[in-house]
Amino acid sequence: MGNISYRYHHEAREYSPDLEDYQEWLEGLPENVRRGMEQLGFEGCRSVLSFTRYGVATFDWRPFLGRFK
């Protein structure tokens, strides 16, 4: 399992959330936080840890994990 975890995190570094991820992420935020993140905009939020984690967590990793069967 350690190798799979390492590979997952290695691949995740190269994944970049897109505008669709941003819109979905905003919908789940409390209103006061969402307003602040909307002011930052998509580009500004690309370095916000909770946004990048959301993008990685919602990415479809099944094709990647299929290589380890």
PDB file of N, CA and C in Angstrom:
ATOM      1  N   MET A   1       0.815  -1.183   0.000  1.00  0.00           N
ATOM      2  CA  MET A   1       0.000   0.000   0.000  1.00  0.00           C
ATOM      3  C   MET A   1       0.869   1.260   0.000  1.00  0.00           C
ATOM      4  N   GLY A   2       2.031   1.191   0.561  1.00  0.00           N
ATOM      5  CA  GLY A   2       2.905   2.360   0.615  1.00  0.00           C
ATOM      6  C   GLY A   2       3.262   2.881  -0.764  1.00  0.00           C
ATOM      7  N   ASN A   3       3.539   1.986  -1.714  1.00  0.00           N
ATOM      8  CA  ASN A   3       3.889   2.394  -3.063  1.00  0.00           C
ATOM      9  C   ASN A   3       2.715   3.076  -3.754  1.00  0.00           C
ATOM     10  N   ILE A   4       1.510   2.556  -3.553  1.00  0.00           N
ATOM     11  CA  ILE A   4       0.335   3.170  -4.158  1.00  0.00           C
ATOM     12  C   ILE A   4       0.121   4.566  -3.580  1.00  0.00           C
ATOM     13  N   SER A   5       0.280   4.694  -2.275  1.00  0.00           N
ATOM     14  CA  SER A   5       0.121   5.998  -1.633  1.00  0.00           C
ATOM     15  C   SER A   5       1.154   6.994  -2.171  1.00  0.00           C
ATOM     16  N   TYR A   6       2.389   6.550  -2.299  1.00  0.00           N
ATOM     17  CA  TYR A   6       3.436   7.409  -2.841  1.00  0.00           C
ATOM     18  C   TYR A   6       3.085   7.858  -4.254  1.00  0.00           C
ATOM     19  N   ARG A   7       2.660   6.909  -5.099  1.00  0.00           N
ATOM     20  CA  ARG A   7       2.329   7.232  -6.489  1.00  0.00           C
ATOM     21  C   ARG A   7       1.134   8.189  -6.564  1.00  0.00           C
ATOM     22  N   TYR A   8       0.134   7.952  -5.707  1.00  0.00           N
ATOM     23  CA  TYR A   8      -1.040   8.818  -5.668  1.00  0.00           C
ATOM     24  C   TYR A   8      -0.619  10.261  -5.395  1.00  0.00           C
ATOM     25  N   HIS A   9       0.186  10.454  -4.366  1.00  0.00           N
ATOM     26  CA  HIS A   9       0.614  11.802  -4.008  1.00  0.00           C
ATOM     27  C   HIS A   9       1.529  12.403  -5.067  1.00  0.00           C
ATOM     28  N   HIS A  10       2.326  11.579  -5.698  1.00  0.00           N
ATOM     29  CA  HIS A  10       3.189  12.062  -6.776  1.00  0.00           C
ATOM     30  C   HIS A  10       2.342  12.548  -7.952  1.00  0.00           C
ATOM     31  N   GLU A  11       1.357  11.744  -8.342  1.00  0.00           N
ATOM     32  CA  GLU A  11       0.469  12.136  -9.448  1.00  0.00           C
ATOM     33  C   GLU A  11      -0.365  13.356  -9.064  1.00  0.00           C
ATOM     34  N   ALA A  12      -0.795  13.438  -7.825  1.00  0.00           N
ATOM     35  CA  ALA A  12      -1.637  14.550  -7.368  1.00  0.00           C
ATOM     36  C   ALA A  12      -0.910  15.884  -7.488  1.00  0.00           C
ATOM     37  N   ARG A  13       0.396  15.886  -7.339  1.00  0.00           N
ATOM     38  CA  ARG A  13       1.153  17.143  -7.465  1.00  0.00           C
ATOM     39  C   ARG A  13       1.002  17.733  -8.856  1.00  0.00           C
ATOM     40  N   GLU A  14       0.805  16.868  -9.836  1.00  0.00           N
ATOM     41  CA  GLU A  14       0.720  17.327 -11.216  1.00  0.00           C
ATOM     42  C   GLU A  14      -0.709  17.654 -11.639  1.00  0.00           C
ATOM     43  N   TYR A  15      -1.687  17.331 -10.785  1.00  0.00           N
ATOM     44  CA  TYR A  15      -3.078  17.633 -11.111  1.00  0.00           C
ATOM     45  C   TYR A  15      -3.391  19.069 -10.718  1.00  0.00           C
ATOM     46  N   SER A  16      -4.064  19.769 -11.586  1.00  0.00           N
ATOM     47  CA  SER A  16      -4.432  21.147 -11.321  1.00  0.00           C
ATOM     48  C   SER A  16      -5.944  21.291 -11.455  1.00  0.00           C
ATOM     49  N   PRO A  17      -6.633  21.701 -10.370  1.00  0.00           N
ATOM     50  CA  PRO A  17      -8.081  21.872 -10.446  1.00  0.00           C
ATOM     51  C   PRO A  17      -8.464  22.876 -11.544  1.00  0.00           C
ATOM     52  N   ASP A  18      -9.611  22.651 -12.166  1.00  0.00           N
ATOM     53  CA  ASP A  18     -10.055  23.536 -13.240  1.00  0.00           C
ATOM     54  C   ASP A  18     -11.209  24.429 -12.772  1.00  0.00           C
ATOM     55  N   LEU A  19     -11.735  25.222 -13.703  1.00  0.00           N
ATOM     56  CA  LEU A  19     -12.786  26.176 -13.390  1.00  0.00           C
ATOM     57  C   LEU A  19     -14.050  25.467 -12.882  1.00  0.00           C
ATOM     58  N   GLU A  20     -14.343  24.302 -13.424  1.00  0.00           N
ATOM     59  CA  GLU A  20     -15.506  23.543 -12.950  1.00  0.00           C
ATOM     60  C   GLU A  20     -15.319  23.123 -11.488  1.00  0.00           C
ATOM     61  N   ASP A  21     -14.115  22.667 -11.139  1.00  0.00           N
ATOM     62  CA  ASP A  21     -13.817  22.322  -9.743  1.00  0.00           C
ATOM     63  C   ASP A  21     -14.008  23.549  -8.853  1.00  0.00           C
ATOM     64  N   TYR A  22     -13.556  24.694  -9.327  1.00  0.00           N
ATOM     65  CA  TYR A  22     -13.673  25.942  -8.569  1.00  0.00           C
ATOM     66  C   TYR A  22     -15.131  26.267  -8.277  1.00  0.00           C
ATOM     67  N   GLN A  23     -15.984  26.178  -9.297  1.00  0.00           N
ATOM     68  CA  GLN A  23     -17.401  26.483  -9.116  1.00  0.00           C
ATOM     69  C   GLN A  23     -18.048  25.520  -8.113  1.00  0.00           C
ATOM     70  N   GLU A  24     -17.739  24.238  -8.225  1.00  0.00           N
ATOM     71  CA  GLU A  24     -18.290  23.246  -7.297  1.00  0.00           C
ATOM     72  C   GLU A  24     -17.807  23.500  -5.879  1.00  0.00           C
ATOM     73  N   TRP A  25     -16.541  23.832  -5.733  1.00  0.00           N
ATOM     74  CA  TRP A  25     -15.956  24.095  -4.425  1.00  0.00           C
ATOM     75  C   TRP A  25     -16.625  25.300  -3.780  1.00  0.00           C
ATOM     76  N   LEU A  26     -16.837  26.358  -4.555  1.00  0.00           N
ATOM     77  CA  LEU A  26     -17.491  27.555  -4.027  1.00  0.00           C
ATOM     78  C   LEU A  26     -18.872  27.237  -3.470  1.00  0.00           C
ATOM     79  N   GLU A  27     -19.609  26.374  -4.158  1.00  0.00           N
ATOM     80  CA  GLU A  27     -20.967  26.022  -3.728  1.00  0.00           C
ATOM     81  C   GLU A  27     -20.997  25.405  -2.338  1.00  0.00           C
ATOM     82  N   GLY A  28     -19.926  24.725  -1.951  1.00  0.00           N
ATOM     83  CA  GLY A  28     -19.890  24.054  -0.660  1.00  0.00           C
ATOM     84  C   GLY A  28     -19.358  24.894   0.483  1.00  0.00           C
ATOM     85  N   LEU A  29     -18.948  26.118   0.199  1.00  0.00           N
ATOM     86  CA  LEU A  29     -18.375  26.973   1.235  1.00  0.00           C
ATOM     87  C   LEU A  29     -19.454  27.767   1.968  1.00  0.00           C
ATOM     88  N   PRO A  30     -19.206  28.092   3.237  1.00  0.00           N
ATOM     89  CA  PRO A  30     -20.111  29.006   3.933  1.00  0.00           C
ATOM     90  C   PRO A  30     -20.134  30.352   3.185  1.00  0.00           C
ATOM     91  N   GLU A  31     -21.254  31.037   3.235  1.00  0.00           N
ATOM     92  CA  GLU A  31     -21.424  32.249   2.433  1.00  0.00           C
ATOM     93  C   GLU A  31     -20.333  33.291   2.657  1.00  0.00           C
ATOM     94  N   ASN A  32     -19.968  33.541   3.910  1.00  0.00           N
ATOM     95  CA  ASN A  32     -18.947  34.572   4.167  1.00  0.00           C
ATOM     96  C   ASN A  32     -17.588  34.182   3.582  1.00  0.00           C
ATOM     97  N   VAL A  33     -17.257  32.910   3.623  1.00  0.00           N
ATOM     98  CA  VAL A  33     -15.995  32.439   3.045  1.00  0.00           C
ATOM     99  C   VAL A  33     -16.089  32.474   1.523  1.00  0.00           C
ATOM    100  N   ARG A  34     -17.229  32.029   0.992  1.00  0.00           N
ATOM    101  CA  ARG A  34     -17.418  32.008  -0.458  1.00  0.00           C
ATOM    102  C   ARG A  34     -17.241  33.404  -1.063  1.00  0.00           C
ATOM    103  N   ARG A  35     -17.783  34.424  -0.415  1.00  0.00           N
ATOM    104  CA  ARG A  35     -17.631  35.784  -0.948  1.00  0.00           C
ATOM    105  C   ARG A  35     -16.156  36.177  -1.047  1.00  0.00           C
ATOM    106  N   GLY A  36     -15.385  35.835  -0.035  1.00  0.00           N
ATOM    107  CA  GLY A  36     -13.961  36.148  -0.069  1.00  0.00           C
ATOM    108  C   GLY A  36     -13.223  35.406  -1.161  1.00  0.00           C
ATOM    109  N   MET A  37     -13.595  34.146  -1.355  1.00  0.00           N
ATOM    110  CA  MET A  37     -12.943  33.349  -2.384  1.00  0.00           C
ATOM    111  C   MET A  37     -13.367  33.796  -3.782  1.00  0.00           C
ATOM    112  N   GLU A  38     -14.601  34.249  -3.924  1.00  0.00           N
ATOM    113  CA  GLU A  38     -15.044  34.793  -5.210  1.00  0.00           C
ATOM    114  C   GLU A  38     -14.280  36.073  -5.537  1.00  0.00           C
ATOM    115  N   GLN A  39     -13.970  36.863  -4.518  1.00  0.00           N
ATOM    116  CA  GLN A  39     -13.175  38.073  -4.753  1.00  0.00           C
ATOM    117  C   GLN A  39     -11.766  37.722  -5.207  1.00  0.00           C
ATOM    118  N   LEU A  40     -11.222  36.647  -4.669  1.00  0.00           N
ATOM    119  CA  LEU A  40      -9.893  36.203  -5.115  1.00  0.00           C
ATOM    120  C   LEU A  40      -9.938  35.695  -6.548  1.00  0.00           C
ATOM    121  N   GLY A  41     -11.059  35.087  -6.911  1.00  0.00           N
ATOM    122  CA  GLY A  41     -11.197  34.536  -8.256  1.00  0.00           C
ATOM    123  C   GLY A  41     -10.504  33.198  -8.401  1.00  0.00           C
ATOM    124  N   PHE A  42     -10.740  32.574  -9.539  1.00  0.00           N
ATOM    125  CA  PHE A  42     -10.188  31.242  -9.812  1.00  0.00           C
ATOM    126  C   PHE A  42      -8.665  31.244  -9.705  1.00  0.00           C
ATOM    127  N   GLU A  43      -8.016  32.160 -10.384  1.00  0.00           N
ATOM    128  CA  GLU A  43      -6.543  32.183 -10.372  1.00  0.00           C
ATOM    129  C   GLU A  43      -6.001  32.426  -8.967  1.00  0.00           C
ATOM    130  N   GLY A  44      -6.642  33.315  -8.227  1.00  0.00           N
ATOM    131  CA  GLY A  44      -6.199  33.601  -6.870  1.00  0.00           C
ATOM    132  C   GLY A  44      -6.375  32.432  -5.928  1.00  0.00           C
ATOM    133  N   CYS A  45      -7.376  31.615  -6.174  1.00  0.00           N
ATOM    134  CA  CYS A  45      -7.658  30.471  -5.297  1.00  0.00           C
ATOM    135  C   CYS A  45      -6.830  29.242  -5.641  1.00  0.00           C
ATOM    136  N   ARG A  46      -6.130  29.267  -6.743  1.00  0.00           N
ATOM    137  CA  ARG A  46      -5.335  28.087  -7.124  1.00  0.00           C
ATOM    138  C   ARG A  46      -4.260  27.754  -6.108  1.00  0.00           C
ATOM    139  N   SER A  47      -3.906  28.700  -5.248  1.00  0.00           N
ATOM    140  CA  SER A  47      -2.911  28.432  -4.210  1.00  0.00           C
ATOM    141  C   SER A  47      -3.551  28.273  -2.829  1.00  0.00           C
ATOM    142  N   VAL A  48      -4.873  28.298  -2.743  1.00  0.00           N
ATOM    143  CA  VAL A  48      -5.582  28.107  -1.472  1.00  0.00           C
ATOM    144  C   VAL A  48      -5.657  26.604  -1.195  1.00  0.00           C
ATOM    145  N   LEU A  49      -5.104  26.200  -0.073  1.00  0.00           N
ATOM    146  CA  LEU A  49      -4.967  24.780   0.230  1.00  0.00           C
ATOM    147  C   LEU A  49      -6.303  24.036   0.194  1.00  0.00           C
ATOM    148  N   SER A  50      -7.355  24.609   0.752  1.00  0.00           N
ATOM    149  CA  SER A  50      -8.622  23.878   0.751  1.00  0.00           C
ATOM    150  C   SER A  50      -9.155  23.673  -0.662  1.00  0.00           C
ATOM    151  N   PHE A  51      -8.857  24.588  -1.582  1.00  0.00           N
ATOM    152  CA  PHE A  51      -9.286  24.416  -2.970  1.00  0.00           C
ATOM    153  C   PHE A  51      -8.465  23.335  -3.664  1.00  0.00           C
ATOM    154  N   THR A  52      -7.170  23.361  -3.488  1.00  0.00           N
ATOM    155  CA  THR A  52      -6.343  22.345  -4.148  1.00  0.00           C
ATOM    156  C   THR A  52      -6.652  20.961  -3.598  1.00  0.00           C
ATOM    157  N   ARG A  53      -6.904  20.861  -2.299  1.00  0.00           N
ATOM    158  CA  ARG A  53      -7.288  19.568  -1.719  1.00  0.00           C
ATOM    159  C   ARG A  53      -8.611  19.092  -2.287  1.00  0.00           C
ATOM    160  N   TYR A  54      -9.554  20.010  -2.443  1.00  0.00           N
ATOM    161  CA  TYR A  54     -10.848  19.648  -3.018  1.00  0.00           C
ATOM    162  C   TYR A  54     -10.654  19.093  -4.428  1.00  0.00           C
ATOM    163  N   GLY A  55      -9.857  19.766  -5.220  1.00  0.00           N
ATOM    164  CA  GLY A  55      -9.627  19.312  -6.592  1.00  0.00           C
ATOM    165  C   GLY A  55      -9.025  17.932  -6.657  1.00  0.00           C
ATOM    166  N   VAL A  56      -8.053  17.668  -5.813  1.00  0.00           N
ATOM    167  CA  VAL A  56      -7.410  16.352  -5.797  1.00  0.00           C
ATOM    168  C   VAL A  56      -8.384  15.299  -5.284  1.00  0.00           C
ATOM    169  N   ALA A  57      -9.164  15.650  -4.273  1.00  0.00           N
ATOM    170  CA  ALA A  57     -10.099  14.686  -3.686  1.00  0.00           C
ATOM    171  C   ALA A  57     -11.223  14.312  -4.644  1.00  0.00           C
ATOM    172  N   THR A  58     -11.613  15.218  -5.524  1.00  0.00           N
ATOM    173  CA  THR A  58     -12.724  14.936  -6.427  1.00  0.00           C
ATOM    174  C   THR A  58     -12.272  14.432  -7.794  1.00  0.00           C
ATOM    175  N   PHE A  59     -10.978  14.398  -8.038  1.00  0.00           N
ATOM    176  CA  PHE A  59     -10.450  13.909  -9.302  1.00  0.00           C
ATOM    177  C   PHE A  59     -10.756  12.421  -9.441  1.00  0.00           C
ATOM    178  N   ASP A  60     -11.078  11.980 -10.630  1.00  0.00           N
ATOM    179  CA  ASP A  60     -11.358  10.562 -10.879  1.00  0.00           C
ATOM    180  C   ASP A  60     -10.036   9.804 -11.004  1.00  0.00           C
ATOM    181  N   TRP A  61      -9.634   9.147  -9.924  1.00  0.00           N
ATOM    182  CA  TRP A  61      -8.360   8.443  -9.871  1.00  0.00           C
ATOM    183  C   TRP A  61      -8.462   7.002 -10.340  1.00  0.00           C
ATOM    184  N   ARG A  62      -9.663   6.524 -10.688  1.00  0.00           N
ATOM    185  CA  ARG A  62      -9.820   5.120 -11.077  1.00  0.00           C
ATOM    186  C   ARG A  62      -8.896   4.681 -12.200  1.00  0.00           C
ATOM    187  N   PRO A  63      -8.755   5.467 -13.285  1.00  0.00           N
ATOM    188  CA  PRO A  63      -7.825   5.014 -14.335  1.00  0.00           C
ATOM    189  C   PRO A  63      -6.385   4.883 -13.831  1.00  0.00           C
ATOM    190  N   PHE A  64      -5.988   5.783 -12.973  1.00  0.00           N
ATOM    191  CA  PHE A  64      -4.650   5.733 -12.406  1.00  0.00           C
ATOM    192  C   PHE A  64      -4.470   4.490 -11.526  1.00  0.00           C
ATOM    193  N   LEU A  65      -5.428   4.245 -10.654  1.00  0.00           N
ATOM    194  CA  LEU A  65      -5.327   3.118  -9.738  1.00  0.00           C
ATOM    195  C   LEU A  65      -5.439   1.784 -10.443  1.00  0.00           C
ATOM    196  N   GLY A  66      -6.087   1.760 -11.610  1.00  0.00           N
ATOM    197  CA  GLY A  66      -6.195   0.528 -12.377  1.00  0.00           C
ATOM    198  C   GLY A  66      -4.853  -0.035 -12.813  1.00  0.00           C
ATOM    199  N   ARG A  67      -3.831   0.799 -12.860  1.00  0.00           N
ATOM    200  CA  ARG A  67      -2.489   0.336 -13.265  1.00  0.00           C
ATOM    201  C   ARG A  67      -1.850  -0.532 -12.196  1.00  0.00           C
ATOM    202  N   PHE A  68      -2.419  -0.572 -10.979  1.00  0.00           N
ATOM    203  CA  PHE A  68      -1.809  -1.311  -9.873  1.00  0.00           C
ATOM    204  C   PHE A  68      -2.514  -2.618  -9.565  1.00  0.00           C
ATOM    205  N   LYS A  69      -3.339  -3.096 -10.477  1.00  0.00           N
ATOM    206  CA  LYS A  69      -4.044  -4.372 -10.236  1.00  0.00           C
ATOM    207  C   LYS A  69      -3.088  -5.528 -10.314  1.00  0.00           C
TER     208      LYS A  69
END
